Amino acid sequence: MQFDSLIAMLIIGAVAGWLSGKLMKGRGFGLIGNIIVGIVGAFLAGLIFPALGFAVGGGVIASILHATIGAVILLFLIGLIRKG
């Protein structure tokens, strides 16, 4: 992974974390926490989704959508763990 792609993944993850915080009301961790969850969700989505054959296309919008799905799933799983 090159430095440019790492910076892009961090920015896209931050946007995805903010967006997932808006979508999952009541399950977020505040702005900074959701950005961190978005970055982790983007990383996980980048690893897991291609292995499953799930792809939404190319480009920035598709990457944000991909990372947002990963962040929403991560927020859901964290919410389940916090309740248990």
N, C-alpha and C. Protein backbone atom coordinates (compact mmCIF):
# COMPACT_ATOMS: atom_id res chain seq x y z
N MET A 1 0.85 -1.17 0.00
CA MET A 1 0.00 0.00 0.00
C MET A 1 0.89 1.23 0.00
N GLN A 2 0.61 2.14 -0.90
CA GLN A 2 1.40 3.34 -1.00
C GLN A 2 0.85 4.40 -0.07
N PHE A 3 1.65 5.42 0.17
CA PHE A 3 1.28 6.50 1.09
C PHE A 3 0.03 7.23 0.61
N ASP A 4 -0.08 7.46 -0.70
CA ASP A 4 -1.24 8.16 -1.24
C ASP A 4 -2.52 7.38 -1.00
N SER A 5 -2.47 6.08 -1.18
CA SER A 5 -3.66 5.28 -0.97
C SER A 5 -4.02 5.20 0.51
N LEU A 6 -3.03 5.27 1.39
CA LEU A 6 -3.30 5.28 2.82
C LEU A 6 -4.01 6.58 3.22
N ILE A 7 -3.55 7.70 2.70
CA ILE A 7 -4.19 8.99 2.98
C ILE A 7 -5.61 8.99 2.44
N ALA A 8 -5.81 8.47 1.24
CA ALA A 8 -7.16 8.41 0.66
C ALA A 8 -8.07 7.52 1.49
N MET A 9 -7.56 6.40 1.98
CA MET A 9 -8.36 5.50 2.81
C MET A 9 -8.74 6.18 4.12
N LEU A 10 -7.84 6.97 4.71
CA LEU A 10 -8.15 7.67 5.94
C LEU A 10 -9.23 8.74 5.72
N ILE A 11 -9.13 9.47 4.62
CA ILE A 11 -10.13 10.51 4.34
C ILE A 11 -11.48 9.88 4.04
N ILE A 12 -11.49 8.86 3.21
CA ILE A 12 -12.75 8.17 2.88
C ILE A 12 -13.33 7.51 4.12
N GLY A 13 -12.49 6.95 4.96
CA GLY A 13 -12.95 6.35 6.20
C GLY A 13 -13.55 7.38 7.15
N ALA A 14 -12.96 8.57 7.19
CA ALA A 14 -13.51 9.63 8.03
C ALA A 14 -14.89 10.06 7.55
N VAL A 15 -15.04 10.22 6.25
CA VAL A 15 -16.34 10.58 5.69
C VAL A 15 -17.35 9.46 5.94
N ALA A 16 -16.92 8.23 5.76
CA ALA A 16 -17.81 7.08 5.99
C ALA A 16 -18.20 6.97 7.45
N GLY A 17 -17.29 7.26 8.36
CA GLY A 17 -17.60 7.22 9.78
C GLY A 17 -18.62 8.27 10.16
N TRP A 18 -18.46 9.46 9.62
CA TRP A 18 -19.44 10.51 9.87
C TRP A 18 -20.81 10.12 9.33
N LEU A 19 -20.82 9.59 8.11
CA LEU A 19 -22.07 9.19 7.47
C LEU A 19 -22.72 8.02 8.21
N SER A 20 -21.92 7.06 8.64
CA SER A 20 -22.49 5.92 9.38
C SER A 20 -23.03 6.36 10.73
N GLY A 21 -22.42 7.36 11.34
CA GLY A 21 -22.94 7.91 12.59
C GLY A 21 -24.30 8.55 12.40
N LYS A 22 -24.49 9.18 11.23
CA LYS A 22 -25.79 9.77 10.91
C LYS A 22 -26.83 8.68 10.63
N LEU A 23 -26.42 7.60 9.98
CA LEU A 23 -27.35 6.52 9.64
C LEU A 23 -27.73 5.69 10.86
N MET A 24 -26.80 5.47 11.76
CA MET A 24 -27.03 4.62 12.93
C MET A 24 -27.21 5.50 14.17
N LYS A 25 -28.26 6.28 14.20
CA LYS A 25 -28.50 7.19 15.32
C LYS A 25 -28.65 6.40 16.61
N GLY A 26 -28.01 6.89 17.64
CA GLY A 26 -28.08 6.23 18.94
C GLY A 26 -27.03 5.15 19.13
N ARG A 27 -26.29 4.80 18.10
CA ARG A 27 -25.26 3.76 18.22
C ARG A 27 -23.87 4.32 18.01
N GLY A 28 -23.76 5.62 17.86
CA GLY A 28 -22.48 6.22 17.55
C GLY A 28 -21.64 6.49 18.79
N PHE A 29 -20.46 7.01 18.56
CA PHE A 29 -19.51 7.31 19.62
C PHE A 29 -19.10 8.78 19.59
N GLY A 30 -19.92 9.62 19.02
CA GLY A 30 -19.54 11.01 18.84
C GLY A 30 -18.78 11.17 17.53
N LEU A 31 -18.45 12.38 17.21
CA LEU A 31 -17.83 12.67 15.92
C LEU A 31 -16.48 11.98 15.77
N ILE A 32 -15.59 12.15 16.73
CA ILE A 32 -14.24 11.57 16.63
C ILE A 32 -14.31 10.04 16.67
N GLY A 33 -15.13 9.50 17.55
CA GLY A 33 -15.27 8.05 17.64
C GLY A 33 -15.82 7.44 16.36
N ASN A 34 -16.81 8.12 15.75
CA ASN A 34 -17.37 7.62 14.50
C ASN A 34 -16.38 7.71 13.36
N ILE A 35 -15.54 8.72 13.36
CA ILE A 35 -14.51 8.82 12.33
C ILE A 35 -13.52 7.66 12.47
N ILE A 36 -13.15 7.34 13.70
CA ILE A 36 -12.24 6.21 13.92
C ILE A 36 -12.91 4.91 13.50
N VAL A 37 -14.19 4.74 13.86
CA VAL A 37 -14.93 3.55 13.44
C VAL A 37 -15.02 3.49 11.92
N GLY A 38 -15.20 4.63 11.27
CA GLY A 38 -15.25 4.68 9.81
C GLY A 38 -13.95 4.27 9.17
N ILE A 39 -12.84 4.70 9.74
CA ILE A 39 -11.54 4.32 9.21
C ILE A 39 -11.32 2.81 9.37
N VAL A 40 -11.66 2.29 10.54
CA VAL A 40 -11.53 0.84 10.77
C VAL A 40 -12.50 0.09 9.87
N GLY A 41 -13.73 0.60 9.73
CA GLY A 41 -14.71 -0.03 8.85
C GLY A 41 -14.28 -0.02 7.40
N ALA A 42 -13.66 1.06 6.97
CA ALA A 42 -13.14 1.13 5.59
C ALA A 42 -12.03 0.11 5.39
N PHE A 43 -11.17 -0.01 6.38
CA PHE A 43 -10.09 -0.99 6.28
C PHE A 43 -10.64 -2.41 6.23
N LEU A 44 -11.59 -2.71 7.12
CA LEU A 44 -12.19 -4.04 7.14
C LEU A 44 -12.96 -4.33 5.86
N ALA A 45 -13.70 -3.35 5.38
CA ALA A 45 -14.45 -3.53 4.14
C ALA A 45 -13.50 -3.76 2.97
N GLY A 46 -12.37 -3.06 2.98
CA GLY A 46 -11.38 -3.24 1.93
C GLY A 46 -10.75 -4.62 1.94
N LEU A 47 -10.71 -5.26 3.10
CA LEU A 47 -10.16 -6.60 3.19
C LEU A 47 -11.21 -7.69 2.96
N ILE A 48 -12.38 -7.51 3.55
CA ILE A 48 -13.37 -8.58 3.57
C ILE A 48 -14.24 -8.61 2.31
N PHE A 49 -14.74 -7.46 1.88
CA PHE A 49 -15.70 -7.45 0.77
C PHE A 49 -15.15 -8.01 -0.53
N PRO A 50 -13.92 -7.69 -0.94
CA PRO A 50 -13.41 -8.32 -2.16
C PRO A 50 -13.28 -9.83 -2.04
N ALA A 51 -12.96 -10.32 -0.85
CA ALA A 51 -12.86 -11.76 -0.66
C ALA A 51 -14.22 -12.44 -0.78
N LEU A 52 -15.28 -11.71 -0.43
CA LEU A 52 -16.63 -12.24 -0.55
C LEU A 52 -17.21 -12.05 -1.95
N GLY A 53 -16.51 -11.30 -2.79
CA GLY A 53 -17.00 -11.03 -4.13
C GLY A 53 -17.95 -9.86 -4.20
N PHE A 54 -18.03 -9.06 -3.14
CA PHE A 54 -18.91 -7.91 -3.09
C PHE A 54 -18.15 -6.68 -3.54
N ALA A 55 -18.64 -6.03 -4.58
CA ALA A 55 -18.00 -4.82 -5.08
C ALA A 55 -19.06 -3.84 -5.53
N VAL A 56 -18.85 -2.57 -5.28
CA VAL A 56 -19.80 -1.54 -5.68
C VAL A 56 -19.27 -0.68 -6.83
N GLY A 57 -18.14 -1.02 -7.36
CA GLY A 57 -17.58 -0.27 -8.47
C GLY A 57 -16.34 0.51 -8.05
N GLY A 58 -15.94 1.42 -8.92
CA GLY A 58 -14.75 2.21 -8.65
C GLY A 58 -15.08 3.67 -8.46
N GLY A 59 -14.12 4.42 -8.03
CA GLY A 59 -14.31 5.85 -7.84
C GLY A 59 -14.47 6.21 -6.37
N VAL A 60 -14.50 7.51 -6.12
CA VAL A 60 -14.56 8.00 -4.76
C VAL A 60 -15.91 7.73 -4.12
N ILE A 61 -16.99 7.96 -4.86
CA ILE A 61 -18.33 7.75 -4.31
C ILE A 61 -18.54 6.27 -3.97
N ALA A 62 -18.11 5.39 -4.84
CA ALA A 62 -18.23 3.96 -4.58
C ALA A 62 -17.38 3.56 -3.38
N SER A 63 -16.21 4.15 -3.23
CA SER A 63 -15.36 3.85 -2.07
C SER A 63 -16.00 4.33 -0.78
N ILE A 64 -16.63 5.50 -0.81
CA ILE A 64 -17.32 6.01 0.38
C ILE A 64 -18.49 5.10 0.72
N LEU A 65 -19.24 4.65 -0.28
CA LEU A 65 -20.35 3.73 -0.05
C LEU A 65 -19.85 2.41 0.54
N HIS A 66 -18.79 1.90 -0.01
CA HIS A 66 -18.18 0.65 0.45
C HIS A 66 -17.74 0.79 1.91
N ALA A 67 -17.05 1.88 2.22
CA ALA A 67 -16.56 2.10 3.58
C ALA A 67 -17.71 2.37 4.54
N THR A 68 -18.75 3.03 4.07
CA THR A 68 -19.91 3.31 4.93
C THR A 68 -20.61 2.01 5.30
N ILE A 69 -20.75 1.11 4.36
CA ILE A 69 -21.35 -0.20 4.66
C ILE A 69 -20.51 -0.93 5.70
N GLY A 70 -19.20 -0.91 5.54
CA GLY A 70 -18.32 -1.54 6.52
C GLY A 70 -18.42 -0.88 7.90
N ALA A 71 -18.52 0.45 7.93
CA ALA A 71 -18.62 1.16 9.20
C ALA A 71 -19.97 0.92 9.88
N VAL A 72 -21.05 0.85 9.10
CA VAL A 72 -22.36 0.56 9.67
C VAL A 72 -22.38 -0.84 10.28
N ILE A 73 -21.80 -1.79 9.58
CA ILE A 73 -21.71 -3.15 10.11
C ILE A 73 -20.88 -3.17 11.39
N LEU A 74 -19.78 -2.44 11.39
CA LEU A 74 -18.93 -2.39 12.57
C LEU A 74 -19.66 -1.71 13.73
N LEU A 75 -20.38 -0.62 13.48
CA LEU A 75 -21.15 0.04 14.53
C LEU A 75 -22.23 -0.89 15.09
N PHE A 76 -22.85 -1.66 14.21
CA PHE A 76 -23.87 -2.61 14.64
C PHE A 76 -23.26 -3.67 15.55
N LEU A 77 -22.12 -4.22 15.15
CA LEU A 77 -21.46 -5.26 15.95
C LEU A 77 -20.97 -4.71 17.29
N ILE A 78 -20.44 -3.50 17.29
CA ILE A 78 -19.99 -2.88 18.53
C ILE A 78 -21.19 -2.63 19.44
N GLY A 79 -22.31 -2.23 18.85
CA GLY A 79 -23.52 -2.02 19.65
C GLY A 79 -24.01 -3.32 20.29
N LEU A 80 -23.89 -4.43 19.57
CA LEU A 80 -24.27 -5.72 20.13
C LEU A 80 -23.36 -6.11 21.30
N ILE A 81 -22.08 -5.85 21.14
CA ILE A 81 -21.12 -6.19 22.18
C ILE A 81 -21.32 -5.32 23.42
N ARG A 82 -21.62 -4.04 23.20
CA ARG A 82 -21.81 -3.13 24.33
C ARG A 82 -23.05 -3.51 25.15
N LYS A 83 -24.07 -4.06 24.49
CA LYS A 83 -25.28 -4.45 25.20
C LYS A 83 -25.09 -5.72 26.00
N GLY A 84 -24.20 -6.58 25.51
CA GLY A 84 -24.01 -7.89 26.13
C GLY A 84 -23.12 -7.92 27.29
